C-alpha atoms as a PDB file:
ATOM      1  CA  MET A   1      81.003  92.747  59.110  1.00  0.00           C
ATOM      2  CA  LEU A   2      80.632  96.523  59.216  1.00  0.00           C
ATOM      3  CA  LYS A   3      78.267  98.881  57.459  1.00  0.00           C
ATOM      4  CA  ILE A   4      79.904 102.289  57.070  1.00  0.00           C
ATOM      5  CA  SER A   5      77.914 105.176  55.673  1.00  0.00           C
ATOM      6  CA  ASP A   6      78.368 108.935  55.386  1.00  0.00           C
ATOM      7  CA  ARG A   7      75.543 111.458  55.584  1.00  0.00           C
ATOM      8  CA  GLY A   8      76.733 115.034  55.459  1.00  0.00           C
ATOM      9  CA  HIS A   9      79.509 115.283  58.050  1.00  0.00           C
ATOM     10  CA  VAL A  10      78.258 112.272  60.033  1.00  0.00           C
ATOM     11  CA  ARG A  11      79.876 108.863  59.605  1.00  0.00           C
ATOM     12  CA  THR A  12      77.916 105.890  60.947  1.00  0.00           C
ATOM     13  CA  ILE A  13      79.732 102.669  61.788  1.00  0.00           C
ATOM     14  CA  ALA A  14      77.292  99.784  62.253  1.00  0.00           C
ATOM     15  CA  LEU A  15      78.364  96.365  63.508  1.00  0.00           C
ATOM     16  CA  ASN A  16      76.815  93.960  61.032  1.00  0.00           C
ATOM     17  CA  ARG A  17      76.544  90.410  62.364  1.00  0.00           C
ATOM     18  CA  PRO A  18      72.843  90.502  63.267  1.00  0.00           C
ATOM     19  CA  GLU A  19      72.562  86.699  63.169  1.00  0.00           C
ATOM     20  CA  LYS A  20      75.139  86.647  66.020  1.00  0.00           C
ATOM     21  CA  LYS A  21      73.695  89.697  67.779  1.00  0.00           C
ATOM     22  CA  ASN A  22      76.837  91.484  66.561  1.00  0.00           C
ATOM     23  CA  ALA A  23      79.108  89.332  68.726  1.00  0.00           C
ATOM     24  CA  LEU A  24      82.762  90.230  68.365  1.00  0.00           C
ATOM     25  CA  SER A  25      85.038  88.063  66.322  1.00  0.00           C
ATOM     26  CA  GLU A  26      88.618  89.296  66.165  1.00  0.00           C
ATOM     27  CA  ALA A  27      88.021  90.400  62.569  1.00  0.00           C
ATOM     28  CA  LEU A  28      84.991  92.479  63.532  1.00  0.00           C
ATOM     29  CA  ALA A  29      86.688  93.992  66.571  1.00  0.00           C
ATOM     30  CA  TRP A  30      89.730  95.123  64.613  1.00  0.00           C
ATOM     31  CA  ALA A  31      87.460  96.404  61.836  1.00  0.00           C
ATOM     32  CA  VAL A  32      85.757  98.696  64.361  1.00  0.00           C
ATOM     33  CA  VAL A  33      89.119 100.020  65.556  1.00  0.00           C
ATOM     34  CA  ARG A  34      90.288 100.681  61.983  1.00  0.00           C
ATOM     35  CA  ALA A  35      86.991 102.350  61.076  1.00  0.00           C
ATOM     36  CA  VAL A  36      87.245 104.760  64.021  1.00  0.00           C
ATOM     37  CA  ASP A  37      90.883 105.515  63.185  1.00  0.00           C
ATOM     38  CA  ASP A  38      89.919 106.202  59.560  1.00  0.00           C
ATOM     39  CA  ALA A  39      87.115 108.549  60.631  1.00  0.00           C
ATOM     40  CA  ALA A  40      89.514 110.389  62.925  1.00  0.00           C
ATOM     41  CA  GLN A  41      91.770 111.167  59.948  1.00  0.00           C
ATOM     42  CA  ASP A  42      89.011 112.282  57.565  1.00  0.00           C
ATOM     43  CA  ASP A  43      88.455 116.051  57.710  1.00  0.00           C
ATOM     44  CA  ASP A  44      85.021 115.664  56.124  1.00  0.00           C
ATOM     45  CA  VAL A  45      83.858 113.632  59.128  1.00  0.00           C
ATOM     46  CA  TRP A  46      82.828 115.804  62.064  1.00  0.00           C
ATOM     47  CA  ILE A  47      80.688 113.352  64.041  1.00  0.00           C
ATOM     48  CA  VAL A  48      81.015 109.564  64.363  1.00  0.00           C
ATOM     49  CA  ALA A  49      78.142 107.271  65.329  1.00  0.00           C
ATOM     50  CA  ILE A  50      78.611 103.634  66.370  1.00  0.00           C
ATOM     51  CA  THR A  51      75.569 101.370  66.467  1.00  0.00           C
ATOM     52  CA  GLY A  52      74.475  97.806  65.733  1.00  0.00           C
ATOM     53  CA  SER A  53      72.520  96.143  62.953  1.00  0.00           C
ATOM     54  CA  GLY A  54      69.317  94.315  63.764  1.00  0.00           C
ATOM     55  CA  ASP A  55      68.020  94.345  67.330  1.00  0.00           C
ATOM     56  CA  SER A  56      71.388  94.301  69.141  1.00  0.00           C
ATOM     57  CA  PHE A  57      74.299  96.645  69.712  1.00  0.00           C
ATOM     58  CA  CYS A  58      76.962  94.057  70.577  1.00  0.00           C
ATOM     59  CA  SER A  59      76.613  90.875  72.630  1.00  0.00           C
ATOM     60  CA  GLY A  60      80.318  90.737  73.485  1.00  0.00           C
ATOM     61  CA  LEU A  61      82.951  88.164  72.579  1.00  0.00           C
ATOM     62  CA  ASP A  62      81.715  85.454  70.232  1.00  0.00           C
ATOM     63  CA  LEU A  63      81.969  82.402  72.498  1.00  0.00           C
ATOM     64  CA  SER A  64      81.029  80.091  69.632  1.00  0.00           C
ATOM     65  CA  GLU A  65      84.439  80.625  68.073  1.00  0.00           C
ATOM     66  CA  PRO A  66      87.321  78.232  68.994  1.00  0.00           C
ATOM     67  CA  GLU A  67      87.961  78.434  72.748  1.00  0.00           C
ATOM     68  CA  ARG A  68      90.984  80.649  72.978  1.00  0.00           C
ATOM     69  CA  PHE A  69      89.715  83.159  75.546  1.00  0.00           C
ATOM     70  CA  SER A  70      92.549  85.563  74.982  1.00  0.00           C
ATOM     71  CA  PRO A  71      92.383  89.283  74.236  1.00  0.00           C
ATOM     72  CA  PHE A  72      95.242  88.810  71.767  1.00  0.00           C
ATOM     73  CA  SER A  73      95.015  88.132  68.060  1.00  0.00           C
ATOM     74  CA  PRO A  74      97.718  85.732  66.828  1.00  0.00           C
ATOM     75  CA  GLN A  75      99.811  88.326  64.989  1.00  0.00           C
ATOM     76  CA  ASN A  76      99.000  91.313  67.150  1.00  0.00           C
ATOM     77  CA  ALA A  77     100.155  89.479  70.289  1.00  0.00           C
ATOM     78  CA  GLN A  78     103.694  89.801  68.964  1.00  0.00           C
ATOM     79  CA  LEU A  79     103.370  93.526  68.355  1.00  0.00           C
ATOM     80  CA  ASP A  80     100.872  95.010  70.787  1.00  0.00           C
ATOM     81  CA  ASP A  81     100.121  93.755  74.284  1.00  0.00           C
ATOM     82  CA  LEU A  82      96.776  95.544  74.460  1.00  0.00           C
ATOM     83  CA  GLY A  83      94.869  93.710  71.737  1.00  0.00           C
ATOM     84  CA  TRP A  84      91.573  94.980  70.371  1.00  0.00           C
ATOM     85  CA  VAL A  85      89.998  95.184  73.822  1.00  0.00           C
ATOM     86  CA  GLY A  86      92.362  98.014  74.699  1.00  0.00           C
ATOM     87  CA  HIS A  87      92.162  99.739  71.349  1.00  0.00           C
ATOM     88  CA  PHE A  88      88.404 100.329  71.586  1.00  0.00           C
ATOM     89  CA  LEU A  89      88.998 102.999  74.214  1.00  0.00           C
ATOM     90  CA  LEU A  90      92.283 104.261  72.783  1.00  0.00           C
ATOM     91  CA  SER A  91      90.865 104.711  69.294  1.00  0.00           C
ATOM     92  CA  ILE A  92      87.679 106.442  70.448  1.00  0.00           C
ATOM     93  CA  ARG A  93      89.010 108.586  73.289  1.00  0.00           C
ATOM     94  CA  LYS A  94      92.696 109.205  72.527  1.00  0.00           C
ATOM     95  CA  ARG A  95      93.147 108.925  68.773  1.00  0.00           C
ATOM     96  CA  CYS A  96      89.781 110.385  67.735  1.00  0.00           C
ATOM     97  CA  ASP A  97      89.139 113.882  69.040  1.00  0.00           C
ATOM     98  CA  LYS A  98      85.767 114.073  67.274  1.00  0.00           C
ATOM     99  CA  PRO A  99      82.546 113.348  69.191  1.00  0.00           C
ATOM    100  CA  VAL A 100      81.653 109.652  68.994  1.00  0.00           C
ATOM    101  CA  VAL A 101      77.976 108.929  69.643  1.00  0.00           C
ATOM    102  CA  GLY A 102      76.950 105.462  70.789  1.00  0.00           C
ATOM    103  CA  GLY A 103      73.613 104.303  69.418  1.00  0.00           C
ATOM    104  CA  ILE A 104      72.887 101.486  71.863  1.00  0.00           C
ATOM    105  CA  ASN A 105      69.974  99.944  70.004  1.00  0.00           C
ATOM    106  CA  GLY A 106      69.854  96.654  71.941  1.00  0.00           C
ATOM    107  CA  VAL A 107      71.892  94.305  74.085  1.00  0.00           C
ATOM    108  CA  ALA A 108      75.403  95.462  75.059  1.00  0.00           C
ATOM    109  CA  VAL A 109      77.383  92.886  77.045  1.00  0.00           C
ATOM    110  CA  GLY A 110      81.020  92.414  78.045  1.00  0.00           C
ATOM    111  CA  ALA A 111      83.374  93.891  75.490  1.00  0.00           C
ATOM    112  CA  GLY A 112      80.249  95.131  73.682  1.00  0.00           C
ATOM    113  CA  LEU A 113      79.448  97.198  76.758  1.00  0.00           C
ATOM    114  CA  GLY A 114      83.088  98.316  76.771  1.00  0.00           C
ATOM    115  CA  LEU A 115      82.687  99.561  73.209  1.00  0.00           C
ATOM    116  CA  ALA A 116      79.475 101.362  74.139  1.00  0.00           C
ATOM    117  CA  MET A 117      81.012 103.015  77.196  1.00  0.00           C
ATOM    118  CA  ALA A 118      84.059 104.153  75.228  1.00  0.00           C
ATOM    119  CA  THR A 119      81.807 106.459  73.194  1.00  0.00           C
ATOM    120  CA  ASP A 120      81.428 110.050  74.317  1.00  0.00           C
ATOM    121  CA  VAL A 121      77.625 110.297  74.304  1.00  0.00           C
ATOM    122  CA  ARG A 122      75.155 107.402  74.451  1.00  0.00           C
ATOM    123  CA  LEU A 123      71.556 107.076  73.306  1.00  0.00           C
ATOM    124  CA  VAL A 124      69.889 103.833  74.389  1.00  0.00           C
ATOM    125  CA  SER A 125      66.751 102.051  73.243  1.00  0.00           C
ATOM    126  CA  ARG A 126      64.072 101.361  75.822  1.00  0.00           C
ATOM    127  CA  SER A 127      64.331  97.576  75.388  1.00  0.00           C
ATOM    128  CA  ALA A 128      68.153  97.476  75.527  1.00  0.00           C
ATOM    129  CA  ARG A 129      69.937  95.341  78.103  1.00  0.00           C
ATOM    130  CA  LEU A 130      73.327  96.470  79.408  1.00  0.00           C
ATOM    131  CA  MET A 131      75.447  94.017  81.395  1.00  0.00           C
ATOM    132  CA  ALA A 132      79.152  93.536  82.111  1.00  0.00           C
ATOM    133  CA  GLY A 133      78.752  89.752  82.389  1.00  0.00           C
ATOM    134  CA  TYR A 134      82.318  88.913  83.390  1.00  0.00           C
ATOM    135  CA  THR A 135      81.507  87.200  86.688  1.00  0.00           C
ATOM    136  CA  ARG A 136      79.269  84.656  84.957  1.00  0.00           C
ATOM    137  CA  ILE A 137      82.130  83.434  82.742  1.00  0.00           C
ATOM    138  CA  GLY A 138      84.922  83.709  85.324  1.00  0.00           C
ATOM    139  CA  GLY A 139      86.505  86.804  83.820  1.00  0.00           C
ATOM    140  CA  SER A 140      87.426  90.298  84.925  1.00  0.00           C
ATOM    141  CA  PRO A 141      86.513  93.602  83.234  1.00  0.00           C
ATOM    142  CA  ASP A 142      88.329  94.648  80.078  1.00  0.00           C
ATOM    143  CA  ALA A 143      87.712  96.963  77.108  1.00  0.00           C
ATOM    144  CA  GLY A 144      88.280  99.967  79.372  1.00  0.00           C
ATOM    145  CA  LEU A 145      85.345  99.296  81.712  1.00  0.00           C
ATOM    146  CA  THR A 146      87.438  99.822  84.856  1.00  0.00           C
ATOM    147  CA  ILE A 147      87.948 103.372  83.556  1.00  0.00           C
ATOM    148  CA  THR A 148      84.649 104.259  81.918  1.00  0.00           C
ATOM    149  CA  LEU A 149      82.147 102.730  84.346  1.00  0.00           C
ATOM    150  CA  PRO A 150      83.450 104.490  87.499  1.00  0.00           C
ATOM    151  CA  GLN A 151      83.587 107.724  85.496  1.00  0.00           C
ATOM    152  CA  ALA A 152      79.970 107.301  84.448  1.00  0.00           C
ATOM    153  CA  MET A 153      78.351 106.023  87.651  1.00  0.00           C
ATOM    154  CA  GLY A 154      80.839 106.346  90.499  1.00  0.00           C
ATOM    155  CA  TYR A 155      82.945 103.713  92.245  1.00  0.00           C
ATOM    156  CA  GLU A 156      80.350 101.885  94.361  1.00  0.00           C
ATOM    157  CA  ARG A 157      77.721 101.662  91.645  1.00  0.00           C
ATOM    158  CA  ALA A 158      80.339 100.407  89.188  1.00  0.00           C
ATOM    159  CA  MET A 159      81.451  97.816  91.735  1.00  0.00           C
ATOM    160  CA  ARG A 160      77.904  96.624  92.424  1.00  0.00           C
ATOM    161  CA  PHE A 161      76.935  96.639  88.759  1.00  0.00           C
ATOM    162  CA  MET A 162      79.811  94.351  87.820  1.00  0.00           C
ATOM    163  CA  ALA A 163      80.171  92.242  90.974  1.00  0.00           C
ATOM    164  CA  GLU A 164      76.426  91.504  91.147  1.00  0.00           C
ATOM    165  CA  ASN A 165      76.236  90.851  87.390  1.00  0.00           C
ATOM    166  CA  ARG A 166      73.353  93.284  87.055  1.00  0.00           C
ATOM    167  CA  SER A 167      71.438  93.772  83.823  1.00  0.00           C
ATOM    168  CA  LEU A 168      70.014  97.241  83.192  1.00  0.00           C
ATOM    169  CA  THR A 169      67.184  98.192  80.878  1.00  0.00           C
ATOM    170  CA  GLY A 170      67.359 101.327  78.775  1.00  0.00           C
ATOM    171  CA  GLU A 171      65.592 103.455  81.380  1.00  0.00           C
ATOM    172  CA  GLU A 172      67.736 102.024  84.185  1.00  0.00           C
ATOM    173  CA  ALA A 173      70.871 102.720  82.159  1.00  0.00           C
ATOM    174  CA  VAL A 174      69.956 106.410  82.080  1.00  0.00           C
ATOM    175  CA  THR A 175      69.187 106.404  85.810  1.00  0.00           C
ATOM    176  CA  TRP A 176      72.531 104.759  86.583  1.00  0.00           C
ATOM    177  CA  GLY A 177      74.439 107.204  84.375  1.00  0.00           C
ATOM    178  CA  LEU A 178      75.374 104.851  81.536  1.00  0.00           C
ATOM    179  CA  ALA A 179      73.457 106.838  78.909  1.00  0.00           C
ATOM    180  CA  GLY A 180      71.958 110.274  78.545  1.00  0.00           C
ATOM    181  CA  GLU A 181      68.727 109.524  76.701  1.00  0.00           C
ATOM    182  CA  VAL A 182      66.319 106.596  76.306  1.00  0.00           C
ATOM    183  CA  ILE A 183      64.303 106.238  73.101  1.00  0.00           C
ATOM    184  CA  ASP A 184      61.491 103.978  71.914  1.00  0.00           C
ATOM    185  CA  GLU A 185      62.572 101.346  69.393  1.00  0.00           C
ATOM    186  CA  ASP A 186      60.432 102.638  66.537  1.00  0.00           C
ATOM    187  CA  LYS A 187      61.965 106.106  66.878  1.00  0.00           C
ATOM    188  CA  PHE A 188      65.541 105.093  67.653  1.00  0.00           C
ATOM    189  CA  ALA A 189      67.178 105.275  64.211  1.00  0.00           C
ATOM    190  CA  ALA A 190      65.602 108.638  63.421  1.00  0.00           C
ATOM    191  CA  ARG A 191      66.571 110.111  66.793  1.00  0.00           C
ATOM    192  CA  LEU A 192      70.174 108.897  66.454  1.00  0.00           C
ATOM    193  CA  GLU A 193      70.417 110.630  63.082  1.00  0.00           C
ATOM    194  CA  ALA A 194      68.790 113.793  64.389  1.00  0.00           C
ATOM    195  CA  TYR A 195      71.069 113.944  67.428  1.00  0.00           C
ATOM    196  CA  CYS A 196      74.200 113.525  65.316  1.00  0.00           C
ATOM    197  CA  ASP A 197      72.907 116.313  63.056  1.00  0.00           C
ATOM    198  CA  GLU A 198      72.426 118.540  66.108  1.00  0.00           C
ATOM    199  CA  LEU A 199      76.038 118.045  67.140  1.00  0.00           C
ATOM    200  CA  GLY A 200      77.183 118.464  63.562  1.00  0.00           C
ATOM    201  CA  ALA A 201      75.647 121.931  63.409  1.00  0.00           C
ATOM    202  CA  TRP A 202      78.401 123.238  65.693  1.00  0.00           C
ATOM    203  CA  SER A 203      81.924 124.103  64.602  1.00  0.00           C
ATOM    204  CA  PRO A 204      84.007 120.906  64.378  1.00  0.00           C
ATOM    205  CA  ILE A 205      86.956 122.818  65.792  1.00  0.00           C
ATOM    206  CA  THR A 206      84.928 123.748  68.881  1.00  0.00           C
ATOM    207  CA  LEU A 207      83.767 120.178  69.433  1.00  0.00           C
ATOM    208  CA  ARG A 208      87.218 118.670  68.949  1.00  0.00           C
ATOM    209  CA  LEU A 209      88.770 121.071  71.442  1.00  0.00           C
ATOM    210  CA  LEU A 210      85.894 120.376  73.851  1.00  0.00           C
ATOM    211  CA  LYS A 211      86.555 116.645  73.660  1.00  0.00           C
ATOM    212  CA  ARG A 212      90.298 117.127  74.064  1.00  0.00           C
ATOM    213  CA  GLY A 213      89.650 119.142  77.210  1.00  0.00           C
ATOM    214  CA  LEU A 214      87.306 116.590  78.746  1.00  0.00           C
ATOM    215  CA  VAL A 215      89.562 113.632  77.940  1.00  0.00           C
ATOM    216  CA  SER A 216      92.502 115.513  79.451  1.00  0.00           C
ATOM    217  CA  ALA A 217      90.524 116.395  82.587  1.00  0.00           C
ATOM    218  CA  CYS A 218      89.508 112.751  83.066  1.00  0.00           C
ATOM    219  CA  GLY A 219      93.028 111.519  82.399  1.00  0.00           C
ATOM    220  CA  ALA A 220      94.388 111.346  85.934  1.00  0.00           C
ATOM    221  CA  VAL A 221      94.666 107.578  85.392  1.00  0.00           C
ATOM    222  CA  ASP A 222      97.246 106.564  82.795  1.00  0.00           C
ATOM    223  CA  MET A 223      94.874 105.063  80.223  1.00  0.00           C
ATOM    224  CA  GLU A 224      97.350 102.715  78.545  1.00  0.00           C
ATOM    225  CA  HIS A 225      98.726 101.499  81.882  1.00  0.00           C
ATOM    226  CA  GLN A 226      95.209 100.752  83.139  1.00  0.00           C
ATOM    227  CA  LEU A 227      94.258  98.957  79.925  1.00  0.00           C
ATOM    228  CA  ARG A 228      97.348  96.757  80.222  1.00  0.00           C
ATOM    229  CA  PHE A 229      96.379  96.042  83.842  1.00  0.00           C
ATOM    230  CA  GLU A 230      92.919  94.968  82.644  1.00  0.00           C
ATOM    231  CA  VAL A 231      94.386  92.625  80.034  1.00  0.00           C
ATOM    232  CA  ALA A 232      96.769  91.078  82.571  1.00  0.00           C
ATOM    233  CA  ASN A 233      93.883  90.531  84.999  1.00  0.00           C
ATOM    234  CA  ILE A 234      91.542  88.912  82.508  1.00  0.00           C
ATOM    235  CA  ARG A 235      94.288  86.566  81.320  1.00  0.00           C
ATOM    236  CA  ARG A 236      94.851  85.481  84.944  1.00  0.00           C
ATOM    237  CA  ALA A 237      91.114  85.107  85.492  1.00  0.00           C
ATOM    238  CA  PHE A 238      90.530  83.012  82.389  1.00  0.00           C
ATOM    239  CA  ALA A 239      93.473  80.755  83.255  1.00  0.00           C
ATOM    240  CA  SER A 240      91.887  79.716  86.573  1.00  0.00           C
ATOM    241  CA  GLN A 241      89.961  76.503  87.194  1.00  0.00           C
ATOM    242  CA  ASP A 242      87.057  78.613  88.439  1.00  0.00           C
ATOM    243  CA  ALA A 243      86.855  80.331  85.051  1.00  0.00           C
ATOM    244  CA  GLN A 244      86.787  77.000  83.239  1.00  0.00           C
ATOM    245  CA  GLU A 245      83.970  75.864  85.553  1.00  0.00           C
ATOM    246  CA  ALA A 246      82.123  79.162  84.995  1.00  0.00           C
ATOM    247  CA  ARG A 247      82.201  78.725  81.224  1.00  0.00           C
ATOM    248  CA  ARG A 248      81.070  75.083  81.455  1.00  0.00           C
ATOM    249  CA  ALA A 249      78.213  76.080  83.743  1.00  0.00           C
ATOM    250  CA  PHE A 250      77.239  78.938  81.457  1.00  0.00           C
ATOM    251  CA  ALA A 251      77.116  76.604  78.452  1.00  0.00           C
ATOM    252  CA  GLU A 252      75.204  73.955  80.434  1.00  0.00           C
ATOM    253  CA  LYS A 253      72.809  76.546  81.940  1.00  0.00           C
ATOM    254  CA  ARG A 254      73.508  75.560  85.537  1.00  0.00           C
ATOM    255  CA  VAL A 255      74.878  77.198  88.685  1.00  0.00           C
ATOM    256  CA  PRO A 256      78.693  77.032  88.756  1.00  0.00           C
ATOM    257  CA  ARG A 257      80.552  75.340  91.607  1.00  0.00           C
ATOM    258  CA  PHE A 258      83.576  77.460  92.466  1.00  0.00           C
ATOM    259  CA  ALA A 259      86.594  76.219  94.420  1.00  0.00           C
ATOM    260  CA  GLY A 260      88.765  79.323  94.533  1.00  0.00           C
ATOM    261  CA  LYS A 261      91.401  77.757  92.288  1.00  0.00           C
END
């Protein structure tokens, strides 16, 4: 489910379910978290890149799996109330003090967008589509998006982006502050490698202290408290009748009929 490769001091973690547009099963999601944690502990790794196989970055939760609609895995629910949706941000921002570069090579939706936004620096392909997507399935933002999106684009833009269920192209993502650079598809893989090499030319001590400083400066919100708040909200949202209607309408490709229940 993951392709992990090392090149010099750069470790690349590639989601590898291209036939599912890298949709997140629980196994894949936890594999990403473990891979980031492993990279954080490896002194030979100075830079981490996260990208997707095929033409997608990550299309979000795999809705073709049994309808559970819970951020908890069966065993982890007994041990950790955050689930993998919370650990994307915690692993990348809190437990890994090395720069993590997001190679957003295609669609990034829902928790897939959350994974993308948890990275420190983002390169995006011109044909990529970035969307939160929670309103269309009766959910509320998770995977750290209530933290990372306002940081990236400001409160009102984050509100409009999610409430209006907007979809942004690669160029629009840069304009809105979700990424720093847009790249043509045929040059994307080479540019991602080159950019990681550019960062890797600096002292890893300097970069790790830089990241620690920025994460600390942006840490006015208690990250774990906010992630738990997200999980509580999405569980309430998915338990509503409106959410059930939203998912039926999404599957049936029709406009949902909401009742506020």
